[in-house]
């Protein structure tokens, strides 16, 4: 029973580190992609397109922040 439900070791914290790295890379790529789209389509920018881009970046930023926070909590707890 302890094997399946007992506490994990410090190596389990690496999961949150890798996920936060993944979200950071996706955040940078998305930011670059949105900036390039805005530069190319400067005259076609509307509120809906701008809002879509901001919400997309915000969601990715929240994912990065949550996983970074969980990694910090995991390393401090163990």
Protein backbone atom coordinates (compact mmCIF):
# COMPACT_ATOMS: atom_id res chain seq x y z
CA UNK A 1 0.00 0.00 0.00
CA UNK A 2 2.85 2.38 0.84
CA UNK A 3 4.37 1.77 -2.60
CA UNK A 4 1.33 3.12 -4.42
CA UNK A 5 0.26 5.90 -2.04
CA UNK A 6 3.41 6.89 -0.15
CA UNK A 7 5.40 10.08 -0.66
CA UNK A 8 7.58 10.46 -3.73
CA UNK A 9 11.27 11.34 -3.77
CA UNK A 10 12.94 14.48 -5.14
CA UNK A 11 13.16 13.02 -8.66
CA UNK A 12 9.40 13.44 -9.01
CA UNK A 13 9.90 17.24 -8.89
CA UNK A 14 11.67 17.04 -12.26
CA UNK A 15 8.25 16.56 -13.87
CA UNK A 16 7.24 20.11 -12.94
CA UNK A 17 10.61 21.44 -14.09
CA UNK A 18 10.27 19.87 -17.54
CA UNK A 19 6.67 21.01 -17.93
CA UNK A 20 7.57 24.58 -16.96
CA UNK A 21 10.45 24.52 -19.48
CA UNK A 22 8.02 23.27 -22.13
CA UNK A 23 5.53 26.05 -21.37
CA UNK A 24 8.30 28.66 -21.45
CA UNK A 25 9.44 27.52 -24.91
CA UNK A 26 5.84 27.53 -26.14
CA UNK A 27 5.38 31.01 -24.62
CA UNK A 28 8.42 32.40 -26.45
CA UNK A 29 7.41 30.78 -29.75
CA UNK A 30 3.84 32.04 -29.44
CA UNK A 31 4.98 35.54 -28.56
CA UNK A 32 7.30 35.58 -31.58
CA UNK A 33 4.55 34.20 -33.82
CA UNK A 34 2.02 36.80 -32.65
CA UNK A 35 4.50 39.64 -33.12
CA UNK A 36 5.35 38.48 -36.64
CA UNK A 37 1.64 38.22 -37.47
CA UNK A 38 1.04 41.76 -36.18
CA UNK A 39 3.95 43.12 -38.21
CA UNK A 40 2.77 41.42 -41.41
CA UNK A 41 -0.91 42.28 -40.96
CA UNK A 42 -0.64 45.66 -39.27
CA UNK A 43 -3.47 47.20 -41.29
CA UNK A 44 -5.80 44.22 -40.72
CA UNK A 45 -5.53 44.13 -36.93
CA UNK A 46 -8.91 44.16 -35.23
CA UNK A 47 -9.96 43.94 -31.62
CA UNK A 48 -10.96 40.28 -31.98
CA UNK A 49 -7.57 39.31 -33.43
CA UNK A 50 -5.74 41.25 -30.74
CA UNK A 51 -7.90 39.77 -27.98
CA UNK A 52 -7.33 36.25 -29.30
CA UNK A 53 -3.58 36.72 -29.21
CA UNK A 54 -3.57 38.24 -25.73
CA UNK A 55 -5.76 35.47 -24.33
CA UNK A 56 -3.58 32.81 -25.92
CA UNK A 57 -0.43 34.32 -24.42
CA UNK A 58 -2.14 34.74 -21.05
CA UNK A 59 -3.18 31.07 -20.94
CA UNK A 60 0.33 29.89 -21.77
CA UNK A 61 1.81 32.28 -19.20
CA UNK A 62 -0.53 30.92 -16.52
CA UNK A 63 0.48 27.35 -17.40
CA UNK A 64 4.16 28.28 -17.11
CA UNK A 65 3.65 30.10 -13.82
CA UNK A 66 1.62 27.29 -12.21
CA UNK A 67 4.17 24.63 -13.12
CA UNK A 68 7.05 26.81 -11.96
CA UNK A 69 5.22 27.39 -8.68
CA UNK A 70 4.55 23.67 -8.24
CA UNK A 71 8.22 22.90 -8.94
CA UNK A 72 9.28 25.41 -6.29
CA UNK A 73 6.83 23.97 -3.79
CA UNK A 74 7.95 20.43 -4.55
CA UNK A 75 11.66 21.16 -4.10
CA UNK A 76 11.11 23.14 -0.87
CA UNK A 77 8.86 20.43 0.59
CA UNK A 78 11.40 17.67 0.08
